[in-house]
Amino acid sequence: MPRDIRIGRLRIPTRLTQRWRARLRAQRRWWRARRRQDQGEVLFPNVGQGMVAVRELEDSPSDQGPRIAVLHATAGAGHKSAAQALAAAIAQVHPGASVREVDTLVFASRLYRSTYAASYNAMAARAPRLWGALYHSWALAPVNRGTAPVRLAVDRLNLRRLVRVVEREHPDAIVCTHFLPVEALSPRRGRGSLRVPLFCVITDFTAHPFWAFPHVDRYFVASDDVAAELHRHGVARDRIEVSGIPVLPIFAESVGRNAARDHFGLDRARPILLVMGGGSGVG
């Protein structure tokens, strides 16, 4: 029977790792099959079902219109949810576009991708104060200056495959809902080797320094306060647009109160309290 993983005094439950391991096994099988077939297209495959982490929208054709890659990372559910909302909205506004929602961590090394999300989920679930302390300490300028070179070097080393794939396939636009793909692609954008518009959607109600990079064409943030905070981190104000955090188009549909209560079998007369705990039950 599988045992929980322990890192010092931190215990990572088996249920948090089993699904991730299954996904990694499927991804490795996909890579081996692609190499055997000598098929180079990954973000926008001409045939087959594409990468296990690449989800093509049902109504998104692949032979005409602009090709847009929406990049996220499976560390928490919010980044992925925002990517799904953006992909759905782009397909709705531009039916001719070919939109791909891509998990950036699939391109990383095995060790990196197997620990990145699991460590975040474990800390959020088991040691939220530790995660909070790390998050806020990294936001301090002296700490960020001291740790950024090592952190960026490790992240970019592990995301070299993503950079190669993007430069080879050259989509018409890249939208990132996590800072990891921005870390990897921003330097190439600055050097001119990546001539693709790069956009970043900050999915938090604060702008951590991890999000701030010089070669992003445009940032989209939740509020004026987030825009001001991002500007303090060195991003030009004219490259920041206050747009709100993306949600699925279905949330724009109007549903009556009684109809909604009837749908969920709730009493029409009693008050309802909604408690939310994040997409993974924490956060």
Protein backbone atom coordinates (compact mmCIF):
# COMPACT_ATOMS: atom_id res chain seq x y z
CA MET A 1 0.00 0.00 0.00
CA PRO A 2 1.45 3.42 -0.94
CA ARG A 3 2.79 5.45 1.97
CA ASP A 4 2.68 9.16 2.59
CA ILE A 5 5.78 11.10 1.54
CA ARG A 6 7.71 12.80 4.33
CA ILE A 7 10.02 15.79 3.92
CA GLY A 8 11.44 16.42 7.38
CA ARG A 9 8.43 16.95 9.62
CA LEU A 10 6.17 17.72 6.66
CA ARG A 11 3.90 14.89 5.52
CA ILE A 12 2.45 14.84 1.99
CA PRO A 13 -0.66 12.59 1.84
CA THR A 14 -0.71 9.86 -0.79
CA ARG A 15 -3.94 11.18 -2.29
CA LEU A 16 -2.15 14.41 -3.24
CA THR A 17 0.55 12.56 -5.18
CA GLN A 18 -1.26 9.67 -6.86
CA ARG A 19 -3.06 11.77 -9.48
CA TRP A 20 0.08 13.78 -10.21
CA ARG A 21 2.14 10.60 -10.68
CA ALA A 22 -0.46 9.18 -13.06
CA ARG A 23 -0.33 12.37 -15.07
CA LEU A 24 3.46 12.22 -15.27
CA ARG A 25 3.33 8.61 -16.48
CA ALA A 26 0.86 9.58 -19.19
CA GLN A 27 3.04 12.51 -20.19
CA ARG A 28 6.14 10.31 -20.47
CA ARG A 29 4.24 7.82 -22.64
CA TRP A 30 3.13 10.70 -24.86
CA TRP A 31 6.71 12.01 -25.26
CA ARG A 32 8.01 8.55 -26.17
CA ALA A 33 5.25 8.08 -28.74
CA ARG A 34 5.96 11.48 -30.28
CA ARG A 35 9.67 10.72 -30.57
CA ARG A 36 8.99 7.37 -32.23
CA GLN A 37 6.65 9.02 -34.74
CA ASP A 38 9.05 11.96 -35.26
CA GLN A 39 6.23 14.47 -34.76
CA GLY A 40 7.53 17.86 -33.70
CA GLU A 41 4.36 19.87 -33.20
CA VAL A 42 3.49 19.98 -29.52
CA LEU A 43 1.51 23.12 -28.77
CA PHE A 44 -0.44 22.86 -32.02
CA PRO A 45 -0.23 19.23 -33.22
CA ASN A 46 -1.44 18.58 -36.74
CA VAL A 47 -2.65 15.09 -35.89
CA GLY A 48 -3.57 13.10 -32.81
CA GLN A 49 -4.78 14.30 -29.46
CA GLY A 50 -1.79 16.48 -28.54
CA MET A 51 0.03 16.58 -25.25
CA VAL A 52 -1.73 15.19 -22.21
CA ALA A 53 -1.57 18.67 -20.66
CA VAL A 54 -2.84 20.46 -23.76
CA ARG A 55 -6.60 20.84 -23.95
CA GLU A 56 -8.14 22.02 -27.22
CA LEU A 57 -11.58 23.57 -26.96
CA GLU A 58 -14.29 21.60 -28.76
CA ASP A 59 -15.32 24.54 -30.93
CA SER A 60 -11.77 25.72 -31.65
CA PRO A 61 -10.65 24.79 -35.19
CA SER A 62 -6.99 24.01 -35.76
CA ASP A 63 -6.52 24.91 -39.45
CA GLN A 64 -7.47 28.60 -39.61
CA GLY A 65 -7.22 31.75 -37.56
CA PRO A 66 -4.63 32.84 -34.99
CA ARG A 67 -2.95 30.28 -32.75
CA ILE A 68 -3.02 31.29 -29.10
CA ALA A 69 -1.28 29.41 -26.28
CA VAL A 70 -2.66 29.96 -22.76
CA LEU A 71 0.02 28.83 -20.30
CA HIS A 72 -0.58 28.02 -16.64
CA ALA A 73 0.96 25.80 -13.96
CA THR A 74 -0.82 23.27 -11.78
CA ALA A 75 0.19 24.80 -8.45
CA GLY A 76 -3.19 25.41 -6.89
CA ALA A 77 -6.40 25.59 -8.90
CA GLY A 78 -6.71 29.34 -9.49
CA HIS A 79 -4.11 29.66 -12.24
CA LYS A 80 -5.64 26.80 -14.21
CA SER A 81 -9.19 28.11 -13.72
CA ALA A 82 -8.16 31.51 -15.07
CA ALA A 83 -6.50 29.83 -18.07
CA GLN A 84 -9.66 27.85 -18.78
CA ALA A 85 -11.76 31.01 -18.54
CA LEU A 86 -9.46 32.89 -20.91
CA ALA A 87 -9.38 30.04 -23.42
CA ALA A 88 -13.18 29.82 -23.39
CA ALA A 89 -13.58 33.60 -23.77
CA ILE A 90 -11.06 33.81 -26.63
CA ALA A 91 -12.83 31.01 -28.48
CA GLN A 92 -16.16 32.77 -27.92
CA VAL A 93 -14.94 36.18 -29.13
CA HIS A 94 -12.85 34.80 -31.99
CA PRO A 95 -14.42 31.51 -33.19
CA GLY A 96 -11.71 31.09 -35.83
CA ALA A 97 -8.87 31.02 -33.30
CA SER A 98 -6.98 27.86 -32.37
CA VAL A 99 -6.67 28.04 -28.58
CA ARG A 100 -4.56 25.70 -26.45
CA GLU A 101 -4.57 25.63 -22.66
CA VAL A 102 -1.17 24.25 -21.64
CA ASP A 103 0.30 23.12 -18.31
CA THR A 104 3.81 24.58 -18.23
CA LEU A 105 5.09 21.99 -15.75
CA VAL A 106 4.75 19.22 -18.32
CA PHE A 107 7.81 20.66 -20.07
CA ALA A 108 9.92 20.70 -16.89
CA SER A 109 12.31 18.03 -15.65
CA ARG A 110 10.83 15.03 -13.87
CA LEU A 111 12.14 15.97 -10.41
CA TYR A 112 11.08 19.60 -10.72
CA ARG A 113 7.54 18.96 -11.89
CA SER A 114 6.98 16.13 -9.39
CA THR A 115 7.80 18.37 -6.42
CA TYR A 116 6.68 21.86 -7.46
CA ALA A 117 2.92 21.45 -7.15
CA ALA A 118 3.07 18.80 -4.42
CA SER A 119 5.18 20.99 -2.14
CA TYR A 120 2.83 23.96 -2.57
CA ASN A 121 -0.30 21.88 -1.97
CA ALA A 122 1.25 20.21 1.07
CA MET A 123 2.28 23.51 2.66
CA ALA A 124 -1.09 25.12 1.91
CA ALA A 125 -2.89 22.16 3.49
CA ARG A 126 -0.56 21.26 6.35
CA ALA A 127 1.55 24.32 7.09
CA PRO A 128 -0.27 27.46 5.90
CA ARG A 129 1.66 29.69 8.31
CA LEU A 130 4.94 28.44 6.87
CA TRP A 131 3.73 29.15 3.35
CA GLY A 132 2.52 32.60 4.41
CA ALA A 133 5.89 33.38 5.99
CA LEU A 134 7.77 32.27 2.86
CA TYR A 135 5.41 34.18 0.56
CA HIS A 136 5.74 37.46 2.45
CA SER A 137 9.49 37.13 3.04
CA TRP A 138 10.08 36.61 -0.69
CA ALA A 139 8.17 39.84 -1.31
CA LEU A 140 10.71 41.84 0.72
CA ALA A 141 13.18 43.59 -1.57
CA PRO A 142 16.40 42.40 0.18
CA VAL A 143 15.21 38.78 0.28
CA ASN A 144 13.98 38.87 -3.31
CA ARG A 145 17.26 40.36 -4.55
CA GLY A 146 19.24 37.72 -2.68
CA THR A 147 17.21 34.69 -3.77
CA ALA A 148 16.03 35.68 -7.26
CA PRO A 149 19.22 34.75 -9.16
CA VAL A 150 19.21 31.16 -7.88
CA ARG A 151 15.45 30.75 -8.18
CA LEU A 152 15.34 32.10 -11.73
CA ALA A 153 18.31 29.98 -12.78
CA VAL A 154 16.65 26.79 -11.49
CA ASP A 155 13.27 27.62 -13.03
CA ARG A 156 14.72 28.55 -16.43
CA LEU A 157 16.98 25.50 -16.48
CA ASN A 158 13.98 23.26 -15.94
CA LEU A 159 11.82 25.04 -18.53
CA ARG A 160 14.25 24.97 -21.45
CA ARG A 161 11.99 22.50 -23.26
CA LEU A 162 9.09 24.96 -23.07
CA VAL A 163 11.24 27.71 -24.60
CA ARG A 164 12.39 25.44 -27.44
CA VAL A 165 8.84 24.35 -28.23
CA VAL A 166 7.46 27.91 -28.21
CA GLU A 167 10.29 29.24 -30.39
CA ARG A 168 9.86 26.39 -32.86
CA GLU A 169 6.08 26.51 -33.15
CA HIS A 170 5.79 30.31 -32.88
CA PRO A 171 2.15 30.86 -31.84
CA ASP A 172 0.54 34.19 -32.68
CA ALA A 173 0.18 35.13 -29.00
CA ILE A 174 1.04 33.75 -25.57
CA VAL A 175 -1.06 34.43 -22.48
CA CYS A 176 0.30 33.37 -19.07
CA THR A 177 -1.75 32.96 -15.89
CA HIS A 178 1.27 31.85 -13.82
CA PHE A 179 4.66 33.52 -13.42
CA LEU A 180 6.67 30.38 -14.33
CA PRO A 181 6.21 30.63 -18.11
CA VAL A 182 6.83 34.38 -17.90
CA GLU A 183 10.14 33.71 -16.13
CA ALA A 184 11.20 31.39 -18.94
CA LEU A 185 9.97 33.40 -21.94
CA SER A 186 10.60 37.03 -20.94
CA PRO A 187 14.41 36.91 -21.47
CA ARG A 188 13.97 35.42 -24.96
CA ARG A 189 11.45 38.13 -25.72
CA GLY A 190 13.98 40.75 -24.66
CA ARG A 191 16.77 39.26 -26.78
CA GLY A 192 14.54 39.09 -29.83
CA SER A 193 14.73 35.32 -30.30
CA LEU A 194 11.04 35.10 -29.38
CA ARG A 195 8.98 37.45 -31.54
CA VAL A 196 5.59 36.57 -30.12
CA PRO A 197 3.36 38.95 -28.11
CA LEU A 198 3.61 37.93 -24.45
CA PHE A 199 0.75 38.76 -22.08
CA CYS A 200 0.42 38.06 -18.37
CA VAL A 201 -2.75 37.80 -16.28
CA ILE A 202 -2.12 38.11 -12.53
CA THR A 203 -4.62 35.87 -10.79
CA ASP A 204 -4.13 37.28 -7.27
CA PHE A 205 -5.39 40.38 -5.48
CA THR A 206 -1.80 41.39 -4.87
CA ALA A 207 1.23 41.75 -7.15
CA HIS A 208 4.12 39.68 -5.81
CA PRO A 209 7.57 40.57 -7.23
CA PHE A 210 7.66 37.11 -8.82
CA TRP A 211 5.27 38.45 -11.50
CA ALA A 212 7.32 41.51 -12.52
CA PHE A 213 9.39 41.14 -15.70
CA PRO A 214 10.57 43.75 -18.22
CA HIS A 215 9.64 42.13 -21.52
CA VAL A 216 5.93 41.41 -21.08
CA ASP A 217 3.85 43.32 -23.62
CA ARG A 218 0.88 43.80 -21.30
CA TYR A 219 -0.24 42.86 -17.81
CA PHE A 220 -3.87 42.36 -16.82
CA VAL A 221 -4.63 42.78 -13.12
CA ALA A 222 -7.57 42.64 -10.74
CA SER A 223 -7.69 46.21 -9.42
CA ASP A 224 -6.06 49.64 -9.32
CA ASP A 225 -4.27 48.64 -6.10
CA VAL A 226 -2.67 45.65 -7.82
CA ALA A 227 -1.68 47.87 -10.75
CA ALA A 228 -0.01 50.35 -8.39
CA GLU A 229 1.83 47.54 -6.57
CA LEU A 230 3.05 46.03 -9.84
CA HIS A 231 4.21 49.47 -10.96
CA ARG A 232 6.25 49.78 -7.74
CA HIS A 233 8.00 46.55 -8.73
CA GLY A 234 9.26 48.25 -11.89
CA VAL A 235 6.59 47.58 -14.52
CA ALA A 236 5.66 50.64 -16.58
CA ARG A 237 2.12 51.81 -15.81
CA ASP A 238 1.16 52.02 -19.49
CA ARG A 239 1.76 48.26 -19.77
CA ILE A 240 -0.75 47.46 -17.02
CA GLU A 241 -4.48 47.18 -17.63
CA VAL A 242 -7.08 46.75 -14.89
CA SER A 243 -9.40 44.05 -16.21
CA GLY A 244 -10.41 41.93 -13.23
CA ILE A 245 -9.64 38.24 -12.79
CA PRO A 246 -10.97 36.04 -15.62
CA VAL A 247 -14.01 33.85 -14.96
CA LEU A 248 -15.80 31.45 -17.27
CA PRO A 249 -18.36 33.08 -19.61
CA ILE A 250 -21.10 30.99 -18.01
CA PHE A 251 -20.92 33.22 -14.92
CA ALA A 252 -22.26 36.10 -17.01
CA GLU A 253 -25.54 34.26 -17.49
CA SER A 254 -28.41 35.49 -15.34
CA VAL A 255 -30.07 32.89 -13.12
CA GLY A 256 -32.98 33.71 -10.82
CA ARG A 257 -32.54 33.16 -7.09
CA ASN A 258 -35.42 30.70 -6.80
CA ALA A 259 -34.33 28.78 -9.90
CA ALA A 260 -30.81 28.43 -8.49
CA ARG A 261 -32.09 27.21 -5.13
CA ASP A 262 -34.43 24.75 -6.79
CA HIS A 263 -31.56 23.41 -8.90
CA PHE A 264 -29.55 22.54 -5.78
CA GLY A 265 -32.54 21.44 -3.73
CA LEU A 266 -32.25 24.34 -1.27
CA ASP A 267 -35.06 25.89 0.75
CA ARG A 268 -36.21 29.13 -0.89
CA ALA A 269 -36.92 30.83 2.45
CA ARG A 270 -33.85 29.97 4.52
CA PRO A 271 -30.62 32.01 4.38
CA ILE A 272 -27.69 30.36 2.57
CA LEU A 273 -24.05 30.62 3.64
CA LEU A 274 -21.38 29.83 1.01
CA VAL A 275 -18.01 28.67 2.34
CA MET A 276 -15.13 28.41 -0.15
CA GLY A 277 -11.80 26.69 0.43
CA GLY A 278 -10.02 26.86 -2.91
CA GLY A 279 -10.14 24.45 -5.82
CA SER A 280 -8.10 21.84 -3.93
CA GLY A 281 -9.92 22.29 -0.63
CA VAL A 282 -7.24 24.63 0.74
CA GLY A 283 -5.95 28.12 0.02
